[in-house]
Amino acid sequence: GISDKACGSLMLLLAAFSLLYYTIWTLLLPILDEFSPVHTWFPSREWALRLPAFVVVVGISAIGLFLGVRIVQDGHADGRKSISRKVQ
């Protein structure tokens, strides 16, 4: 497998590249001329807002789903403990 250090380095490089790409897309692209070849490297500007909004919604939903599953599992575990106490 891959070591923790290599995995961390890969994730750091990916995050740095993503931040640099997004920064150029949102801040530098409006300054450049409309007919610049750099514009072909990026999607339309409306996606600069839609994509992060989608990521935030999916992330918050995943956290809520995880917490909900944990609460339900803990509730079932507490219920089993109280039933076993009553039986004894």
PDB file of N, CA and C in Angstrom:
ATOM      1  N   GLY A   1       0.808  -1.187   0.000  1.00  0.00           N
ATOM      2  CA  GLY A   1       0.000   0.000   0.000  1.00  0.00           C
ATOM      3  C   GLY A   1       0.849   1.248   0.000  1.00  0.00           C
ATOM      4  N   ILE A   2       0.182   2.347  -0.014  1.00  0.00           N
ATOM      5  CA  ILE A   2       0.837   3.651  -0.018  1.00  0.00           C
ATOM      6  C   ILE A   2       1.023   4.120   1.428  1.00  0.00           C
ATOM      7  N   SER A   3       2.181   4.716   1.695  1.00  0.00           N
ATOM      8  CA  SER A   3       2.445   5.162   3.064  1.00  0.00           C
ATOM      9  C   SER A   3       1.602   6.398   3.395  1.00  0.00           C
ATOM     10  N   ASP A   4       1.455   6.663   4.675  1.00  0.00           N
ATOM     11  CA  ASP A   4       0.681   7.823   5.112  1.00  0.00           C
ATOM     12  C   ASP A   4       1.314   9.123   4.632  1.00  0.00           C
ATOM     13  N   LYS A   5       2.642   9.170   4.652  1.00  0.00           N
ATOM     14  CA  LYS A   5       3.348  10.377   4.229  1.00  0.00           C
ATOM     15  C   LYS A   5       3.128  10.644   2.740  1.00  0.00           C
ATOM     16  N   ALA A   6       3.199   9.590   1.924  1.00  0.00           N
ATOM     17  CA  ALA A   6       2.976   9.750   0.490  1.00  0.00           C
ATOM     18  C   ALA A   6       1.529  10.138   0.206  1.00  0.00           C
ATOM     19  N   CYS A   7       0.599   9.537   0.928  1.00  0.00           N
ATOM     20  CA  CYS A   7      -0.820   9.856   0.748  1.00  0.00           C
ATOM     21  C   CYS A   7      -1.093  11.312   1.136  1.00  0.00           C
ATOM     22  N   GLY A   8      -0.519  11.748   2.242  1.00  0.00           N
ATOM     23  CA  GLY A   8      -0.684  13.134   2.679  1.00  0.00           C
ATOM     24  C   GLY A   8      -0.085  14.116   1.693  1.00  0.00           C
ATOM     25  N   SER A   9       1.086  13.783   1.167  1.00  0.00           N
ATOM     26  CA  SER A   9       1.726  14.654   0.173  1.00  0.00           C
ATOM     27  C   SER A   9       0.885  14.750  -1.096  1.00  0.00           C
ATOM     28  N   LEU A  10       0.340  13.629  -1.526  1.00  0.00           N
ATOM     29  CA  LEU A  10      -0.511  13.621  -2.713  1.00  0.00           C
ATOM     30  C   LEU A  10      -1.770  14.459  -2.505  1.00  0.00           C
ATOM     31  N   MET A  11      -2.390  14.320  -1.344  1.00  0.00           N
ATOM     32  CA  MET A  11      -3.590  15.111  -1.051  1.00  0.00           C
ATOM     33  C   MET A  11      -3.258  16.602  -0.961  1.00  0.00           C
ATOM     34  N   LEU A  12      -2.108  16.951  -0.393  1.00  0.00           N
ATOM     35  CA  LEU A  12      -1.693  18.345  -0.305  1.00  0.00           C
ATOM     36  C   LEU A  12      -1.457  18.929  -1.692  1.00  0.00           C
ATOM     37  N   LEU A  13      -0.783  18.183  -2.558  1.00  0.00           N
ATOM     38  CA  LEU A  13      -0.557  18.651  -3.922  1.00  0.00           C
ATOM     39  C   LEU A  13      -1.869  18.822  -4.687  1.00  0.00           C
ATOM     40  N   LEU A  14      -2.779  17.897  -4.518  1.00  0.00           N
ATOM     41  CA  LEU A  14      -4.083  17.991  -5.175  1.00  0.00           C
ATOM     42  C   LEU A  14      -4.860  19.215  -4.683  1.00  0.00           C
ATOM     43  N   ALA A  15      -4.842  19.458  -3.383  1.00  0.00           N
ATOM     44  CA  ALA A  15      -5.541  20.619  -2.824  1.00  0.00           C
ATOM     45  C   ALA A  15      -4.903  21.921  -3.308  1.00  0.00           C
ATOM     46  N   ALA A  16      -3.572  21.969  -3.358  1.00  0.00           N
ATOM     47  CA  ALA A  16      -2.880  23.183  -3.814  1.00  0.00           C
ATOM     48  C   ALA A  16      -3.184  23.450  -5.288  1.00  0.00           C
ATOM     49  N   PHE A  17      -3.165  22.405  -6.108  1.00  0.00           N
ATOM     50  CA  PHE A  17      -3.478  22.569  -7.523  1.00  0.00           C
ATOM     51  C   PHE A  17      -4.921  23.037  -7.717  1.00  0.00           C
ATOM     52  N   SER A  18      -5.850  22.437  -6.965  1.00  0.00           N
ATOM     53  CA  SER A  18      -7.260  22.816  -7.077  1.00  0.00           C
ATOM     54  C   SER A  18      -7.472  24.274  -6.687  1.00  0.00           C
ATOM     55  N   LEU A  19      -6.823  24.706  -5.613  1.00  0.00           N
ATOM     56  CA  LEU A  19      -6.952  26.102  -5.173  1.00  0.00           C
ATOM     57  C   LEU A  19      -6.365  27.057  -6.201  1.00  0.00           C
ATOM     58  N   LEU A  20      -5.213  26.709  -6.758  1.00  0.00           N
ATOM     59  CA  LEU A  20      -4.588  27.552  -7.775  1.00  0.00           C
ATOM     60  C   LEU A  20      -5.472  27.643  -9.028  1.00  0.00           C
ATOM     61  N   TYR A  21      -6.000  26.505  -9.478  1.00  0.00           N
ATOM     62  CA  TYR A  21      -6.876  26.479 -10.657  1.00  0.00           C
ATOM     63  C   TYR A  21      -8.119  27.337 -10.420  1.00  0.00           C
ATOM     64  N   TYR A  22      -8.753  27.160  -9.249  1.00  0.00           N
ATOM     65  CA  TYR A  22      -9.975  27.910  -8.950  1.00  0.00           C
ATOM     66  C   TYR A  22      -9.684  29.406  -8.829  1.00  0.00           C
ATOM     67  N   THR A  23      -8.552  29.759  -8.235  1.00  0.00           N
ATOM     68  CA  THR A  23      -8.182  31.166  -8.094  1.00  0.00           C
ATOM     69  C   THR A  23      -7.975  31.811  -9.457  1.00  0.00           C
ATOM     70  N   ILE A  24      -7.267  31.124 -10.332  1.00  0.00           N
ATOM     71  CA  ILE A  24      -7.068  31.659 -11.687  1.00  0.00           C
ATOM     72  C   ILE A  24      -8.405  31.779 -12.406  1.00  0.00           C
ATOM     73  N   TRP A  25      -9.252  30.766 -12.243  1.00  0.00           N
ATOM     74  CA  TRP A  25     -10.560  30.732 -12.905  1.00  0.00           C
ATOM     75  C   TRP A  25     -11.431  31.905 -12.476  1.00  0.00           C
ATOM     76  N   THR A  26     -11.462  32.201 -11.182  1.00  0.00           N
ATOM     77  CA  THR A  26     -12.391  33.215 -10.685  1.00  0.00           C
ATOM     78  C   THR A  26     -11.809  34.628 -10.629  1.00  0.00           C
ATOM     79  N   LEU A  27     -10.513  34.758 -10.405  1.00  0.00           N
ATOM     80  CA  LEU A  27      -9.939  36.092 -10.231  1.00  0.00           C
ATOM     81  C   LEU A  27      -9.175  36.610 -11.445  1.00  0.00           C
ATOM     82  N   LEU A  28      -8.456  35.741 -12.119  1.00  0.00           N
ATOM     83  CA  LEU A  28      -7.617  36.194 -13.221  1.00  0.00           C
ATOM     84  C   LEU A  28      -8.357  36.202 -14.554  1.00  0.00           C
ATOM     85  N   LEU A  29      -9.244  35.265 -14.755  1.00  0.00           N
ATOM     86  CA  LEU A  29      -9.939  35.146 -16.034  1.00  0.00           C
ATOM     87  C   LEU A  29     -10.754  36.395 -16.419  1.00  0.00           C
ATOM     88  N   PRO A  30     -11.451  37.035 -15.478  1.00  0.00           N
ATOM     89  CA  PRO A  30     -12.198  38.247 -15.873  1.00  0.00           C
ATOM     90  C   PRO A  30     -11.302  39.393 -16.340  1.00  0.00           C
ATOM     91  N   ILE A  31     -10.053  39.388 -15.918  1.00  0.00           N
ATOM     92  CA  ILE A  31      -9.131  40.457 -16.300  1.00  0.00           C
ATOM     93  C   ILE A  31      -8.627  40.257 -17.727  1.00  0.00           C
ATOM     94  N   LEU A  32      -8.463  39.003 -18.120  1.00  0.00           N
ATOM     95  CA  LEU A  32      -7.925  38.697 -19.444  1.00  0.00           C
ATOM     96  C   LEU A  32      -8.934  39.005 -20.545  1.00  0.00           C
ATOM     97  N   ASP A  33      -8.394  39.236 -21.731  1.00  0.00           N
ATOM     98  CA  ASP A  33      -9.235  39.506 -22.891  1.00  0.00           C
ATOM     99  C   ASP A  33     -10.119  38.289 -23.199  1.00  0.00           C
ATOM    100  N   GLU A  34     -11.307  38.563 -23.659  1.00  0.00           N
ATOM    101  CA  GLU A  34     -12.296  37.522 -23.950  1.00  0.00           C
ATOM    102  C   GLU A  34     -11.792  36.495 -24.965  1.00  0.00           C
ATOM    103  N   PHE A  35     -10.922  36.923 -25.860  1.00  0.00           N
ATOM    104  CA  PHE A  35     -10.449  36.060 -26.939  1.00  0.00           C
ATOM    105  C   PHE A  35      -9.101  35.415 -26.623  1.00  0.00           C
ATOM    106  N   SER A  36      -8.666  35.522 -25.395  1.00  0.00           N
ATOM    107  CA  SER A  36      -7.409  34.914 -24.970  1.00  0.00           C
ATOM    108  C   SER A  36      -7.536  33.386 -25.001  1.00  0.00           C
ATOM    109  N   PRO A  37      -6.485  32.687 -25.428  1.00  0.00           N
ATOM    110  CA  PRO A  37      -6.556  31.220 -25.452  1.00  0.00           C
ATOM    111  C   PRO A  37      -6.668  30.592 -24.061  1.00  0.00           C
ATOM    112  N   VAL A  38      -6.378  31.358 -23.025  1.00  0.00           N
ATOM    113  CA  VAL A  38      -6.485  30.851 -21.654  1.00  0.00           C
ATOM    114  C   VAL A  38      -7.939  30.516 -21.320  1.00  0.00           C
ATOM    115  N   HIS A  39      -8.882  31.209 -21.923  1.00  0.00           N
ATOM    116  CA  HIS A  39     -10.305  30.972 -21.668  1.00  0.00           C
ATOM    117  C   HIS A  39     -10.741  29.565 -22.072  1.00  0.00           C
ATOM    118  N   THR A  40     -10.019  28.931 -22.974  1.00  0.00           N
ATOM    119  CA  THR A  40     -10.388  27.580 -23.410  1.00  0.00           C
ATOM    120  C   THR A  40     -10.045  26.527 -22.359  1.00  0.00           C
ATOM    121  N   TRP A  41      -9.201  26.870 -21.395  1.00  0.00           N
ATOM    122  CA  TRP A  41      -8.789  25.919 -20.352  1.00  0.00           C
ATOM    123  C   TRP A  41      -9.802  25.796 -19.228  1.00  0.00           C
ATOM    124  N   PHE A  42     -10.786  26.682 -19.189  1.00  0.00           N
ATOM    125  CA  PHE A  42     -11.712  26.737 -18.063  1.00  0.00           C
ATOM    126  C   PHE A  42     -13.155  26.640 -18.544  1.00  0.00           C
ATOM    127  N   PRO A  43     -14.046  26.077 -17.697  1.00  0.00           N
ATOM    128  CA  PRO A  43     -15.478  26.106 -18.019  1.00  0.00           C
ATOM    129  C   PRO A  43     -16.025  27.532 -17.895  1.00  0.00           C
ATOM    130  N   SER A  44     -17.295  27.717 -18.227  1.00  0.00           N
ATOM    131  CA  SER A  44     -17.880  29.053 -18.120  1.00  0.00           C
ATOM    132  C   SER A  44     -17.894  29.516 -16.665  1.00  0.00           C
ATOM    133  N   ARG A  45     -17.970  30.828 -16.488  1.00  0.00           N
ATOM    134  CA  ARG A  45     -17.844  31.410 -15.145  1.00  0.00           C
ATOM    135  C   ARG A  45     -19.001  31.051 -14.231  1.00  0.00           C
ATOM    136  N   GLU A  46     -20.175  30.725 -14.775  1.00  0.00           N
ATOM    137  CA  GLU A  46     -21.309  30.374 -13.916  1.00  0.00           C
ATOM    138  C   GLU A  46     -21.005  29.125 -13.088  1.00  0.00           C
ATOM    139  N   TRP A  47     -20.156  28.243 -13.611  1.00  0.00           N
ATOM    140  CA  TRP A  47     -19.794  27.031 -12.878  1.00  0.00           C
ATOM    141  C   TRP A  47     -18.838  27.323 -11.734  1.00  0.00           C
ATOM    142  N   ALA A  48     -18.223  28.490 -11.748  1.00  0.00           N
ATOM    143  CA  ALA A  48     -17.344  28.879 -10.642  1.00  0.00           C
ATOM    144  C   ALA A  48     -18.143  29.062  -9.353  1.00  0.00           C
ATOM    145  N   LEU A  49     -19.438  29.308  -9.458  1.00  0.00           N
ATOM    146  CA  LEU A  49     -20.304  29.396  -8.280  1.00  0.00           C
ATOM    147  C   LEU A  49     -21.099  28.112  -8.063  1.00  0.00           C
ATOM    148  N   ARG A  50     -21.534  27.495  -9.142  1.00  0.00           N
ATOM    149  CA  ARG A  50     -22.351  26.288  -9.005  1.00  0.00           C
ATOM    150  C   ARG A  50     -21.566  25.119  -8.405  1.00  0.00           C
ATOM    151  N   LEU A  51     -20.349  24.933  -8.854  1.00  0.00           N
ATOM    152  CA  LEU A  51     -19.548  23.795  -8.394  1.00  0.00           C
ATOM    153  C   LEU A  51     -19.254  23.856  -6.895  1.00  0.00           C
ATOM    154  N   PRO A  52     -18.748  24.972  -6.345  1.00  0.00           N
ATOM    155  CA  PRO A  52     -18.530  25.018  -4.892  1.00  0.00           C
ATOM    156  C   PRO A  52     -19.831  24.908  -4.101  1.00  0.00           C
ATOM    157  N   ALA A  53     -20.908  25.476  -4.613  1.00  0.00           N
ATOM    158  CA  ALA A  53     -22.194  25.364  -3.915  1.00  0.00           C
ATOM    159  C   ALA A  53     -22.633  23.908  -3.850  1.00  0.00           C
ATOM    160  N   PHE A  54     -22.461  23.175  -4.939  1.00  0.00           N
ATOM    161  CA  PHE A  54     -22.800  21.754  -4.968  1.00  0.00           C
ATOM    162  C   PHE A  54     -21.939  20.963  -3.982  1.00  0.00           C
ATOM    163  N   VAL A  55     -20.651  21.265  -3.944  1.00  0.00           N
ATOM    164  CA  VAL A  55     -19.741  20.567  -3.026  1.00  0.00           C
ATOM    165  C   VAL A  55     -20.136  20.831  -1.572  1.00  0.00           C
ATOM    166  N   VAL A  56     -20.507  22.063  -1.252  1.00  0.00           N
ATOM    167  CA  VAL A  56     -20.923  22.397   0.116  1.00  0.00           C
ATOM    168  C   VAL A  56     -22.214  21.653   0.475  1.00  0.00           C
ATOM    169  N   VAL A  57     -23.191  21.638  -0.421  1.00  0.00           N
ATOM    170  CA  VAL A  57     -24.454  20.941  -0.142  1.00  0.00           C
ATOM    171  C   VAL A  57     -24.221  19.446   0.059  1.00  0.00           C
ATOM    172  N   VAL A  58     -23.416  18.834  -0.796  1.00  0.00           N
ATOM    173  CA  VAL A  58     -23.123  17.406  -0.663  1.00  0.00           C
ATOM    174  C   VAL A  58     -22.353  17.140   0.635  1.00  0.00           C
ATOM    175  N   GLY A  59     -21.400  18.004   0.970  1.00  0.00           N
ATOM    176  CA  GLY A  59     -20.624  17.831   2.195  1.00  0.00           C
ATOM    177  C   GLY A  59     -21.480  17.933   3.445  1.00  0.00           C
ATOM    178  N   ILE A  60     -22.339  18.930   3.510  1.00  0.00           N
ATOM    179  CA  ILE A  60     -23.220  19.085   4.676  1.00  0.00           C
ATOM    180  C   ILE A  60     -24.211  17.933   4.749  1.00  0.00           C
ATOM    181  N   SER A  61     -24.696  17.478   3.599  1.00  0.00           N
ATOM    182  CA  SER A  61     -25.610  16.334   3.594  1.00  0.00           C
ATOM    183  C   SER A  61     -24.911  15.068   4.089  1.00  0.00           C
ATOM    184  N   ALA A  62     -23.671  14.868   3.684  1.00  0.00           N
ATOM    185  CA  ALA A  62     -22.916  13.693   4.127  1.00  0.00           C
ATOM    186  C   ALA A  62     -22.687  13.730   5.636  1.00  0.00           C
ATOM    187  N   ILE A  63     -22.367  14.900   6.165  1.00  0.00           N
ATOM    188  CA  ILE A  63     -22.177  15.036   7.615  1.00  0.00           C
ATOM    189  C   ILE A  63     -23.485  14.766   8.345  1.00  0.00           C
ATOM    190  N   GLY A  64     -24.586  15.321   7.848  1.00  0.00           N
ATOM    191  CA  GLY A  64     -25.895  15.084   8.460  1.00  0.00           C
ATOM    192  C   GLY A  64     -26.292  13.628   8.405  1.00  0.00           C
ATOM    193  N   LEU A  65     -26.028  12.969   7.283  1.00  0.00           N
ATOM    194  CA  LEU A  65     -26.331  11.543   7.155  1.00  0.00           C
ATOM    195  C   LEU A  65     -25.504  10.717   8.133  1.00  0.00           C
ATOM    196  N   PHE A  66     -24.228  11.037   8.242  1.00  0.00           N
ATOM    197  CA  PHE A  66     -23.358  10.320   9.185  1.00  0.00           C
ATOM    198  C   PHE A  66     -23.848  10.492  10.622  1.00  0.00           C
ATOM    199  N   LEU A  67     -24.156  11.718  11.000  1.00  0.00           N
ATOM    200  CA  LEU A  67     -24.637  11.969  12.359  1.00  0.00           C
ATOM    201  C   LEU A  67     -25.974  11.271  12.611  1.00  0.00           C
ATOM    202  N   GLY A  68     -26.864  11.305  11.630  1.00  0.00           N
ATOM    203  CA  GLY A  68     -28.152  10.631  11.777  1.00  0.00           C
ATOM    204  C   GLY A  68     -28.000   9.133  11.964  1.00  0.00           C
ATOM    205  N   VAL A  69     -27.131   8.520  11.173  1.00  0.00           N
ATOM    206  CA  VAL A  69     -26.897   7.081  11.298  1.00  0.00           C
ATOM    207  C   VAL A  69     -26.308   6.760  12.666  1.00  0.00           C
ATOM    208  N   ARG A  70     -25.366   7.565  13.130  1.00  0.00           N
ATOM    209  CA  ARG A  70     -24.754   7.331  14.440  1.00  0.00           C
ATOM    210  C   ARG A  70     -25.779   7.479  15.569  1.00  0.00           C
ATOM    211  N   ILE A  71     -26.662   8.454  15.477  1.00  0.00           N
ATOM    212  CA  ILE A  71     -27.683   8.659  16.506  1.00  0.00           C
ATOM    213  C   ILE A  71     -28.638   7.471  16.542  1.00  0.00           C
ATOM    214  N   VAL A  72     -29.053   7.002  15.377  1.00  0.00           N
ATOM    215  CA  VAL A  72     -29.953   5.850  15.319  1.00  0.00           C
ATOM    216  C   VAL A  72     -29.265   4.606  15.860  1.00  0.00           C
ATOM    217  N   GLN A  73     -28.009   4.389  15.475  1.00  0.00           N
ATOM    218  CA  GLN A  73     -27.272   3.219  15.969  1.00  0.00           C
ATOM    219  C   GLN A  73     -27.095   3.280  17.489  1.00  0.00           C
ATOM    220  N   ASP A  74     -26.768   4.434  18.018  1.00  0.00           N
ATOM    221  CA  ASP A  74     -26.607   4.576  19.463  1.00  0.00           C
ATOM    222  C   ASP A  74     -27.930   4.369  20.180  1.00  0.00           C
ATOM    223  N   GLY A  75     -29.018   4.817  19.582  1.00  0.00           N
ATOM    224  CA  GLY A  75     -30.338   4.614  20.174  1.00  0.00           C
ATOM    225  C   GLY A  75     -30.707   3.152  20.238  1.00  0.00           C
ATOM    226  N   HIS A  76     -30.399   2.420  19.185  1.00  0.00           N
ATOM    227  CA  HIS A  76     -30.675   0.980  19.189  1.00  0.00           C
ATOM    228  C   HIS A  76     -29.795   0.260  20.208  1.00  0.00           C
ATOM    229  N   ALA A  77     -28.549   0.682  20.349  1.00  0.00           N
ATOM    230  CA  ALA A  77     -27.644   0.052  21.316  1.00  0.00           C
ATOM    231  C   ALA A  77     -28.141   0.307  22.736  1.00  0.00           C
ATOM    232  N   ASP A  78     -28.604   1.523  23.024  1.00  0.00           N
ATOM    233  CA  ASP A  78     -29.149   1.841  24.353  1.00  0.00           C
ATOM    234  C   ASP A  78     -30.409   1.041  24.621  1.00  0.00           C
ATOM    235  N   GLY A  79     -31.229   0.854  23.597  1.00  0.00           N
ATOM    236  CA  GLY A  79     -32.462   0.079  23.750  1.00  0.00           C
ATOM    237  C   GLY A  79     -32.167  -1.374  24.072  1.00  0.00           C
ATOM    238  N   ARG A  80     -31.167  -1.936  23.438  1.00  0.00           N
ATOM    239  CA  ARG A  80     -30.799  -3.332  23.712  1.00  0.00           C
ATOM    240  C   ARG A  80     -30.264  -3.494  25.129  1.00  0.00           C
ATOM    241  N   LYS A  81     -29.516  -2.481  25.605  1.00  0.00           N
ATOM    242  CA  LYS A  81     -28.972  -2.555  26.969  1.00  0.00           C
ATOM    243  C   LYS A  81     -30.098  -2.532  27.995  1.00  0.00           C
ATOM    244  N   SER A  82     -31.091  -1.681  27.772  1.00  0.00           N
ATOM    245  CA  SER A  82     -32.182  -1.590  28.746  1.00  0.00           C
ATOM    246  C   SER A  82     -33.040  -2.855  28.722  1.00  0.00           C
ATOM    247  N   ILE A  83     -33.201  -3.479  27.555  1.00  0.00           N
ATOM    248  CA  ILE A  83     -33.968  -4.732  27.472  1.00  0.00           C
ATOM    249  C   ILE A  83     -33.227  -5.840  28.200  1.00  0.00           C
ATOM    250  N   SER A  84     -31.911  -5.911  28.026  1.00  0.00           N
ATOM    251  CA  SER A  84     -31.155  -6.979  28.697  1.00  0.00           C
ATOM    252  C   SER A  84     -31.149  -6.780  30.210  1.00  0.00           C
ATOM    253  N   ARG A  85     -31.207  -5.537  30.674  1.00  0.00           N
ATOM    254  CA  ARG A  85     -31.282  -5.279  32.128  1.00  0.00           C
ATOM    255  C   ARG A  85     -32.618  -5.747  32.694  1.00  0.00           C
ATOM    256  N   LYS A  86     -33.687  -5.547  31.927  1.00  0.00           N
ATOM    257  CA  LYS A  86     -35.006  -5.963  32.379  1.00  0.00           C
ATOM    258  C   LYS A  86     -35.123  -7.476  32.448  1.00  0.00           C
ATOM    259  N   VAL A  87     -34.481  -8.185  31.529  1.00  0.00           N
ATOM    260  CA  VAL A  87     -34.548  -9.637  31.473  1.00  0.00           C
ATOM    261  C   VAL A  87     -33.818 -10.235  32.667  1.00  0.00           C
ATOM    262  N   GLN A  88     -32.707  -9.656  33.077  1.00  0.00           N
ATOM    263  CA  GLN A  88     -31.922 -10.206  34.181  1.00  0.00           C
ATOM    264  C   GLN A  88     -32.629  -9.976  35.444  1.00  0.00           C
TER     265      GLN A  88
END
